[in-house]
Amino acid sequence: MEETVAKKIPQGSTELSLYINKELKRKFKLACTAEEKPMSEVVTALIDQWLTQKETDSARPVSEDSPGEVSEQVSEKDNGDKGG
């Protein structure tokens, strides 16, 4: 019989379940292993960094760009600005 080992959840933590591309997960896991960092630690830091950036962005004065222009800028940034 296989033994089930319960994972120790750090106090004050909760589980987050999400779906990502298999290859992206594989690369992420390899990178975390190479850095000897738990995946959850890296994801937590990235989420915190993203939220901090959002707070900084919302503190800036409202741009005169139309919502469409802002959406295009975000899409270009997310896609690595691969346009031609």
PDB file of N, CA and C in Angstrom:
ATOM      1  N   MET A   1       0.828  -1.194   0.000  1.00  0.00           N
ATOM      2  CA  MET A   1       0.000   0.000   0.000  1.00  0.00           C
ATOM      3  C   MET A   1       0.864   1.247   0.000  1.00  0.00           C
ATOM      4  N   GLU A   2       0.421   2.240  -0.777  1.00  0.00           N
ATOM      5  CA  GLU A   2       1.135   3.511  -0.791  1.00  0.00           C
ATOM      6  C   GLU A   2       0.719   4.349   0.401  1.00  0.00           C
ATOM      7  N   GLU A   3       1.703   5.067   0.927  1.00  0.00           N
ATOM      8  CA  GLU A   3       1.435   5.970   2.030  1.00  0.00           C
ATOM      9  C   GLU A   3       1.173   7.357   1.479  1.00  0.00           C
ATOM     10  N   THR A   4       0.168   8.007   1.987  1.00  0.00           N
ATOM     11  CA  THR A   4      -0.101   9.379   1.592  1.00  0.00           C
ATOM     12  C   THR A   4       0.593  10.301   2.572  1.00  0.00           C
ATOM     13  N   VAL A   5       1.409  11.196   2.020  1.00  0.00           N
ATOM     14  CA  VAL A   5       2.123  12.142   2.862  1.00  0.00           C
ATOM     15  C   VAL A   5       1.419  13.488   2.756  1.00  0.00           C
ATOM     16  N   ALA A   6       0.989  13.994   3.893  1.00  0.00           N
ATOM     17  CA  ALA A   6       0.319  15.293   3.902  1.00  0.00           C
ATOM     18  C   ALA A   6       1.352  16.400   3.775  1.00  0.00           C
ATOM     19  N   LYS A   7       1.030  17.374   2.931  1.00  0.00           N
ATOM     20  CA  LYS A   7       1.914  18.521   2.793  1.00  0.00           C
ATOM     21  C   LYS A   7       1.682  19.454   3.969  1.00  0.00           C
ATOM     22  N   LYS A   8       2.778  20.003   4.466  1.00  0.00           N
ATOM     23  CA  LYS A   8       2.657  20.957   5.558  1.00  0.00           C
ATOM     24  C   LYS A   8       2.363  22.327   4.954  1.00  0.00           C
ATOM     25  N   ILE A   9       1.220  22.877   5.302  1.00  0.00           N
ATOM     26  CA  ILE A   9       0.828  24.187   4.800  1.00  0.00           C
ATOM     27  C   ILE A   9       1.272  25.228   5.822  1.00  0.00           C
ATOM     28  N   PRO A  10       2.081  26.191   5.364  1.00  0.00           N
ATOM     29  CA  PRO A  10       2.542  27.229   6.290  1.00  0.00           C
ATOM     30  C   PRO A  10       1.366  27.986   6.901  1.00  0.00           C
ATOM     31  N   GLN A  11       1.512  28.351   8.159  1.00  0.00           N
ATOM     32  CA  GLN A  11       0.456  29.073   8.857  1.00  0.00           C
ATOM     33  C   GLN A  11       0.142  30.372   8.114  1.00  0.00           C
ATOM     34  N   GLY A  12      -1.125  30.680   7.976  1.00  0.00           N
ATOM     35  CA  GLY A  12      -1.546  31.890   7.290  1.00  0.00           C
ATOM     36  C   GLY A  12      -1.605  31.741   5.781  1.00  0.00           C
ATOM     37  N   SER A  13      -1.352  30.544   5.274  1.00  0.00           N
ATOM     38  CA  SER A  13      -1.365  30.302   3.828  1.00  0.00           C
ATOM     39  C   SER A  13      -2.642  29.587   3.421  1.00  0.00           C
ATOM     40  N   THR A  14      -2.937  29.659   2.139  1.00  0.00           N
ATOM     41  CA  THR A  14      -4.082  28.962   1.578  1.00  0.00           C
ATOM     42  C   THR A  14      -3.683  28.395   0.220  1.00  0.00           C
ATOM     43  N   GLU A  15      -4.459  27.452  -0.261  1.00  0.00           N
ATOM     44  CA  GLU A  15      -4.152  26.820  -1.537  1.00  0.00           C
ATOM     45  C   GLU A  15      -4.723  27.635  -2.689  1.00  0.00           C
ATOM     46  N   LEU A  16      -3.963  27.712  -3.788  1.00  0.00           N
ATOM     47  CA  LEU A  16      -4.396  28.372  -5.019  1.00  0.00           C
ATOM     48  C   LEU A  16      -4.257  27.358  -6.139  1.00  0.00           C
ATOM     49  N   SER A  17      -5.350  27.095  -6.816  1.00  0.00           N
ATOM     50  CA  SER A  17      -5.330  26.128  -7.908  1.00  0.00           C
ATOM     51  C   SER A  17      -5.604  26.866  -9.209  1.00  0.00           C
ATOM     52  N   LEU A  18      -4.788  26.594 -10.238  1.00  0.00           N
ATOM     53  CA  LEU A  18      -4.972  27.253 -11.521  1.00  0.00           C
ATOM     54  C   LEU A  18      -4.481  26.368 -12.642  1.00  0.00           C
ATOM     55  N   TYR A  19      -4.856  26.723 -13.857  1.00  0.00           N
ATOM     56  CA  TYR A  19      -4.449  25.966 -15.034  1.00  0.00           C
ATOM     57  C   TYR A  19      -3.491  26.808 -15.866  1.00  0.00           C
ATOM     58  N   ILE A  20      -2.353  26.206 -16.238  1.00  0.00           N
ATOM     59  CA  ILE A  20      -1.398  26.868 -17.120  1.00  0.00           C
ATOM     60  C   ILE A  20      -0.918  25.856 -18.160  1.00  0.00           C
ATOM     61  N   ASN A  21      -0.283  26.351 -19.179  1.00  0.00           N
ATOM     62  CA  ASN A  21       0.274  25.525 -20.238  1.00  0.00           C
ATOM     63  C   ASN A  21       1.273  24.525 -19.649  1.00  0.00           C
ATOM     64  N   LYS A  22       1.225  23.278 -20.103  1.00  0.00           N
ATOM     65  CA  LYS A  22       2.110  22.229 -19.569  1.00  0.00           C
ATOM     66  C   LYS A  22       3.585  22.576 -19.712  1.00  0.00           C
ATOM     67  N   GLU A  23       3.966  23.088 -20.883  1.00  0.00           N
ATOM     68  CA  GLU A  23       5.372  23.421 -21.126  1.00  0.00           C
ATOM     69  C   GLU A  23       5.823  24.581 -20.237  1.00  0.00           C
ATOM     70  N   LEU A  24       4.944  25.547 -20.029  1.00  0.00           N
ATOM     71  CA  LEU A  24       5.268  26.671 -19.149  1.00  0.00           C
ATOM     72  C   LEU A  24       5.496  26.169 -17.725  1.00  0.00           C
ATOM     73  N   LYS A  25       4.641  25.248 -17.272  1.00  0.00           N
ATOM     74  CA  LYS A  25       4.805  24.688 -15.927  1.00  0.00           C
ATOM     75  C   LYS A  25       6.122  23.925 -15.822  1.00  0.00           C
ATOM     76  N   ARG A  26       6.448  23.151 -16.846  1.00  0.00           N
ATOM     77  CA  ARG A  26       7.684  22.367 -16.827  1.00  0.00           C
ATOM     78  C   ARG A  26       8.897  23.287 -16.716  1.00  0.00           C
ATOM     79  N   LYS A  27       8.921  24.336 -17.535  1.00  0.00           N
ATOM     80  CA  LYS A  27      10.041  25.280 -17.501  1.00  0.00           C
ATOM     81  C   LYS A  27      10.123  25.993 -16.155  1.00  0.00           C
ATOM     82  N   PHE A  28       8.961  26.380 -15.631  1.00  0.00           N
ATOM     83  CA  PHE A  28       8.917  27.067 -14.343  1.00  0.00           C
ATOM     84  C   PHE A  28       9.443  26.163 -13.229  1.00  0.00           C
ATOM     85  N   LYS A  29       9.008  24.912 -13.230  1.00  0.00           N
ATOM     86  CA  LYS A  29       9.449  23.957 -12.216  1.00  0.00           C
ATOM     87  C   LYS A  29      10.959  23.735 -12.303  1.00  0.00           C
ATOM     88  N   LEU A  30      11.487  23.594 -13.516  1.00  0.00           N
ATOM     89  CA  LEU A  30      12.935  23.420 -13.698  1.00  0.00           C
ATOM     90  C   LEU A  30      13.705  24.637 -13.198  1.00  0.00           C
ATOM     91  N   ALA A  31      13.200  25.829 -13.514  1.00  0.00           N
ATOM     92  CA  ALA A  31      13.870  27.057 -13.079  1.00  0.00           C
ATOM     93  C   ALA A  31      13.850  27.176 -11.558  1.00  0.00           C
ATOM     94  N   CYS A  32      12.732  26.854 -10.937  1.00  0.00           N
ATOM     95  CA  CYS A  32      12.633  26.910  -9.472  1.00  0.00           C
ATOM     96  C   CYS A  32      13.571  25.891  -8.831  1.00  0.00           C
ATOM     97  N   THR A  33      13.632  24.703  -9.404  1.00  0.00           N
ATOM     98  CA  THR A  33      14.522  23.663  -8.893  1.00  0.00           C
ATOM     99  C   THR A  33      15.975  24.104  -9.006  1.00  0.00           C
ATOM    100  N   ALA A  34      16.334  24.703 -10.132  1.00  0.00           N
ATOM    101  CA  ALA A  34      17.707  25.179 -10.338  1.00  0.00           C
ATOM    102  C   ALA A  34      18.081  26.253  -9.321  1.00  0.00           C
ATOM    103  N   GLU A  35      17.094  27.066  -8.931  1.00  0.00           N
ATOM    104  CA  GLU A  35      17.323  28.132  -7.951  1.00  0.00           C
ATOM    105  C   GLU A  35      17.120  27.646  -6.514  1.00  0.00           C
ATOM    106  N   GLU A  36      16.720  26.379  -6.381  1.00  0.00           N
ATOM    107  CA  GLU A  36      16.422  25.783  -5.078  1.00  0.00           C
ATOM    108  C   GLU A  36      15.382  26.596  -4.308  1.00  0.00           C
ATOM    109  N   LYS A  37      14.333  27.000  -5.046  1.00  0.00           N
ATOM    110  CA  LYS A  37      13.242  27.766  -4.443  1.00  0.00           C
ATOM    111  C   LYS A  37      11.936  27.031  -4.687  1.00  0.00           C
ATOM    112  N   PRO A  38      11.081  26.979  -3.686  1.00  0.00           N
ATOM    113  CA  PRO A  38       9.771  26.361  -3.898  1.00  0.00           C
ATOM    114  C   PRO A  38       8.954  27.174  -4.902  1.00  0.00           C
ATOM    115  N   MET A  39       8.205  26.473  -5.745  1.00  0.00           N
ATOM    116  CA  MET A  39       7.381  27.151  -6.737  1.00  0.00           C
ATOM    117  C   MET A  39       6.414  28.122  -6.066  1.00  0.00           C
ATOM    118  N   SER A  40       5.856  27.740  -4.941  1.00  0.00           N
ATOM    119  CA  SER A  40       4.893  28.606  -4.254  1.00  0.00           C
ATOM    120  C   SER A  40       5.543  29.907  -3.786  1.00  0.00           C
ATOM    121  N   GLU A  41       6.811  29.838  -3.387  1.00  0.00           N
ATOM    122  CA  GLU A  41       7.526  31.045  -2.953  1.00  0.00           C
ATOM    123  C   GLU A  41       7.699  32.014  -4.126  1.00  0.00           C
ATOM    124  N   VAL A  42       8.050  31.482  -5.289  1.00  0.00           N
ATOM    125  CA  VAL A  42       8.258  32.320  -6.472  1.00  0.00           C
ATOM    126  C   VAL A  42       6.927  32.906  -6.947  1.00  0.00           C
ATOM    127  N   VAL A  43       5.877  32.091  -6.987  1.00  0.00           N
ATOM    128  CA  VAL A  43       4.563  32.577  -7.412  1.00  0.00           C
ATOM    129  C   VAL A  43       4.072  33.663  -6.458  1.00  0.00           C
ATOM    130  N   THR A  44       4.248  33.460  -5.169  1.00  0.00           N
ATOM    131  CA  THR A  44       3.840  34.456  -4.177  1.00  0.00           C
ATOM    132  C   THR A  44       4.564  35.776  -4.413  1.00  0.00           C
ATOM    133  N   ALA A  45       5.873  35.710  -4.659  1.00  0.00           N
ATOM    134  CA  ALA A  45       6.656  36.923  -4.913  1.00  0.00           C
ATOM    135  C   ALA A  45       6.187  37.618  -6.192  1.00  0.00           C
ATOM    136  N   LEU A  46       5.890  36.842  -7.231  1.00  0.00           N
ATOM    137  CA  LEU A  46       5.423  37.423  -8.493  1.00  0.00           C
ATOM    138  C   LEU A  46       4.058  38.087  -8.339  1.00  0.00           C
ATOM    139  N   ILE A  47       3.157  37.447  -7.607  1.00  0.00           N
ATOM    140  CA  ILE A  47       1.836  38.036  -7.369  1.00  0.00           C
ATOM    141  C   ILE A  47       1.981  39.324  -6.568  1.00  0.00           C
ATOM    142  N   ASP A  48       2.808  39.296  -5.544  1.00  0.00           N
ATOM    143  CA  ASP A  48       3.038  40.483  -4.722  1.00  0.00           C
ATOM    144  C   ASP A  48       3.609  41.622  -5.567  1.00  0.00           C
ATOM    145  N   GLN A  49       4.574  41.293  -6.419  1.00  0.00           N
ATOM    146  CA  GLN A  49       5.184  42.291  -7.308  1.00  0.00           C
ATOM    147  C   GLN A  49       4.135  42.874  -8.260  1.00  0.00           C
ATOM    148  N   TRP A  50       3.293  42.027  -8.820  1.00  0.00           N
ATOM    149  CA  TRP A  50       2.255  42.471  -9.747  1.00  0.00           C
ATOM    150  C   TRP A  50       1.262  43.394  -9.050  1.00  0.00           C
ATOM    151  N   LEU A  51       0.840  43.022  -7.835  1.00  0.00           N
ATOM    152  CA  LEU A  51      -0.102  43.853  -7.087  1.00  0.00           C
ATOM    153  C   LEU A  51       0.512  45.198  -6.715  1.00  0.00           C
ATOM    154  N   THR A  52       1.780  45.197  -6.335  1.00  0.00           N
ATOM    155  CA  THR A  52       2.477  46.443  -6.018  1.00  0.00           C
ATOM    156  C   THR A  52       2.508  47.344  -7.241  1.00  0.00           C
ATOM    157  N   GLN A  53       2.782  46.770  -8.410  1.00  0.00           N
ATOM    158  CA  GLN A  53       2.797  47.544  -9.651  1.00  0.00           C
ATOM    159  C   GLN A  53       1.419  48.112  -9.951  1.00  0.00           C
ATOM    160  N   LYS A  54       0.373  47.318  -9.731  1.00  0.00           N
ATOM    161  CA  LYS A  54      -0.993  47.791  -9.966  1.00  0.00           C
ATOM    162  C   LYS A  54      -1.307  48.965  -9.044  1.00  0.00           C
ATOM    163  N   GLU A  55      -0.867  48.899  -7.792  1.00  0.00           N
ATOM    164  CA  GLU A  55      -1.089  49.995  -6.846  1.00  0.00           C
ATOM    165  C   GLU A  55      -0.358  51.243  -7.316  1.00  0.00           C
ATOM    166  N   THR A  56       0.866  51.085  -7.800  1.00  0.00           N
ATOM    167  CA  THR A  56       1.655  52.205  -8.311  1.00  0.00           C
ATOM    168  C   THR A  56       0.968  52.808  -9.529  1.00  0.00           C
ATOM    169  N   ASP A  57       0.490  51.945 -10.429  1.00  0.00           N
ATOM    170  CA  ASP A  57      -0.190  52.413 -11.635  1.00  0.00           C
ATOM    171  C   ASP A  57      -1.456  53.193 -11.291  1.00  0.00           C
ATOM    172  N   SER A  58      -2.214  52.724 -10.305  1.00  0.00           N
ATOM    173  CA  SER A  58      -3.469  53.391  -9.961  1.00  0.00           C
ATOM    174  C   SER A  58      -3.220  54.707  -9.231  1.00  0.00           C
ATOM    175  N   ALA A  59      -2.021  54.906  -8.690  1.00  0.00           N
ATOM    176  CA  ALA A  59      -1.685  56.148  -8.006  1.00  0.00           C
ATOM    177  C   ALA A  59      -1.310  57.246  -8.997  1.00  0.00           C
ATOM    178  N   ARG A  60      -0.985  56.866 -10.245  1.00  0.00           N
ATOM    179  CA  ARG A  60      -0.632  57.846 -11.271  1.00  0.00           C
ATOM    180  C   ARG A  60      -1.883  58.574 -11.749  1.00  0.00           C
ATOM    181  N   PRO A  61      -1.709  59.805 -12.228  1.00  0.00           N
ATOM    182  CA  PRO A  61      -2.862  60.528 -12.784  1.00  0.00           C
ATOM    183  C   PRO A  61      -3.442  59.765 -13.971  1.00  0.00           C
ATOM    184  N   VAL A  62      -4.730  59.908 -14.170  1.00  0.00           N
ATOM    185  CA  VAL A  62      -5.402  59.225 -15.268  1.00  0.00           C
ATOM    186  C   VAL A  62      -4.878  59.760 -16.594  1.00  0.00           C
ATOM    187  N   SER A  63      -4.542  58.852 -17.484  1.00  0.00           N
ATOM    188  CA  SER A  63      -4.029  59.196 -18.808  1.00  0.00           C
ATOM    189  C   SER A  63      -5.163  59.707 -19.684  1.00  0.00           C
ATOM    190  N   GLU A  64      -4.810  60.482 -20.706  1.00  0.00           N
ATOM    191  CA  GLU A  64      -5.813  60.954 -21.651  1.00  0.00           C
ATOM    192  C   GLU A  64      -6.046  59.941 -22.766  1.00  0.00           C
ATOM    193  N   ASP A  65      -5.342  58.810 -22.725  1.00  0.00           N
ATOM    194  CA  ASP A  65      -5.554  57.752 -23.722  1.00  0.00           C
ATOM    195  C   ASP A  65      -6.973  57.229 -23.607  1.00  0.00           C
ATOM    196  N   SER A  66      -7.533  56.842 -24.731  1.00  0.00           N
ATOM    197  CA  SER A  66      -8.845  56.208 -24.690  1.00  0.00           C
ATOM    198  C   SER A  66      -8.671  54.791 -24.160  1.00  0.00           C
ATOM    199  N   PRO A  67      -9.730  54.185 -23.612  1.00  0.00           N
ATOM    200  CA  PRO A  67      -9.612  52.801 -23.118  1.00  0.00           C
ATOM    201  C   PRO A  67      -9.096  51.844 -24.175  1.00  0.00           C
ATOM    202  N   GLY A  68      -9.465  52.038 -25.449  1.00  0.00           N
ATOM    203  CA  GLY A  68      -8.986  51.170 -26.526  1.00  0.00           C
ATOM    204  C   GLY A  68      -7.490  51.254 -26.700  1.00  0.00           C
ATOM    205  N   GLU A  69      -6.951  52.472 -26.628  1.00  0.00           N
ATOM    206  CA  GLU A  69      -5.509  52.652 -26.780  1.00  0.00           C
ATOM    207  C   GLU A  69      -4.761  52.003 -25.628  1.00  0.00           C
ATOM    208  N   VAL A  70      -5.301  52.134 -24.427  1.00  0.00           N
ATOM    209  CA  VAL A  70      -4.662  51.523 -23.264  1.00  0.00           C
ATOM    210  C   VAL A  70      -4.679  50.007 -23.409  1.00  0.00           C
ATOM    211  N   SER A  71      -5.804  49.440 -23.849  1.00  0.00           N
ATOM    212  CA  SER A  71      -5.897  47.991 -24.042  1.00  0.00           C
ATOM    213  C   SER A  71      -4.882  47.509 -25.062  1.00  0.00           C
ATOM    214  N   GLU A  72      -4.703  48.277 -26.148  1.00  0.00           N
ATOM    215  CA  GLU A  72      -3.724  47.897 -27.161  1.00  0.00           C
ATOM    216  C   GLU A  72      -2.317  47.920 -26.587  1.00  0.00           C
ATOM    217  N   GLN A  73      -2.020  48.913 -25.757  1.00  0.00           N
ATOM    218  CA  GLN A  73      -0.696  49.007 -25.150  1.00  0.00           C
ATOM    219  C   GLN A  73      -0.441  47.811 -24.244  1.00  0.00           C
ATOM    220  N   VAL A  74      -1.449  47.426 -23.466  1.00  0.00           N
ATOM    221  CA  VAL A  74      -1.308  46.276 -22.576  1.00  0.00           C
ATOM    222  C   VAL A  74      -1.114  45.014 -23.395  1.00  0.00           C
ATOM    223  N   SER A  75      -1.900  44.835 -24.464  1.00  0.00           N
ATOM    224  CA  SER A  75      -1.772  43.648 -25.306  1.00  0.00           C
ATOM    225  C   SER A  75      -0.393  43.565 -25.933  1.00  0.00           C
ATOM    226  N   GLU A  76       0.131  44.690 -26.413  1.00  0.00           N
ATOM    227  CA  GLU A  76       1.461  44.694 -27.009  1.00  0.00           C
ATOM    228  C   GLU A  76       2.511  44.327 -25.978  1.00  0.00           C
ATOM    229  N   LYS A  77       2.365  44.828 -24.766  1.00  0.00           N
ATOM    230  CA  LYS A  77       3.319  44.514 -23.701  1.00  0.00           C
ATOM    231  C   LYS A  77       3.254  43.030 -23.368  1.00  0.00           C
ATOM    232  N   ASP A  78       2.036  42.495 -23.233  1.00  0.00           N
ATOM    233  CA  ASP A  78       1.858  41.084 -22.891  1.00  0.00           C
ATOM    234  C   ASP A  78       2.375  40.166 -23.985  1.00  0.00           C
ATOM    235  N   ASN A  79       2.299  40.594 -25.241  1.00  0.00           N
ATOM    236  CA  ASN A  79       2.746  39.773 -26.364  1.00  0.00           C
ATOM    237  C   ASN A  79       4.192  40.030 -26.730  1.00  0.00           C
ATOM    238  N   GLY A  80       4.901  40.789 -25.926  1.00  0.00           N
ATOM    239  CA  GLY A  80       6.297  41.064 -26.210  1.00  0.00           C
ATOM    240  C   GLY A  80       6.471  42.030 -27.366  1.00  0.00           C
ATOM    241  N   ASP A  81       5.422  42.779 -27.694  1.00  0.00           N
ATOM    242  CA  ASP A  81       5.446  43.766 -28.774  1.00  0.00           C
ATOM    243  C   ASP A  81       6.058  43.180 -30.038  1.00  0.00           C
ATOM    244  N   LYS A  82       5.494  42.050 -30.496  1.00  0.00           N
ATOM    245  CA  LYS A  82       6.019  41.332 -31.658  1.00  0.00           C
ATOM    246  C   LYS A  82       5.456  41.869 -32.967  1.00  0.00           C
ATOM    247  N   GLY A  83       4.756  42.993 -32.884  1.00  0.00           N
ATOM    248  CA  GLY A  83       4.146  43.556 -34.091  1.00  0.00           C
ATOM    249  C   GLY A  83       5.196  43.962 -35.103  1.00  0.00           C
ATOM    250  N   GLY A  84       4.773  44.191 -36.373  1.00  0.00           N
ATOM    251  CA  GLY A  84       5.745  44.501 -37.397  1.00  0.00           C
ATOM    252  C   GLY A  84       5.499  45.734 -38.058  1.00  0.00           C
TER     253      GLY A  84
END
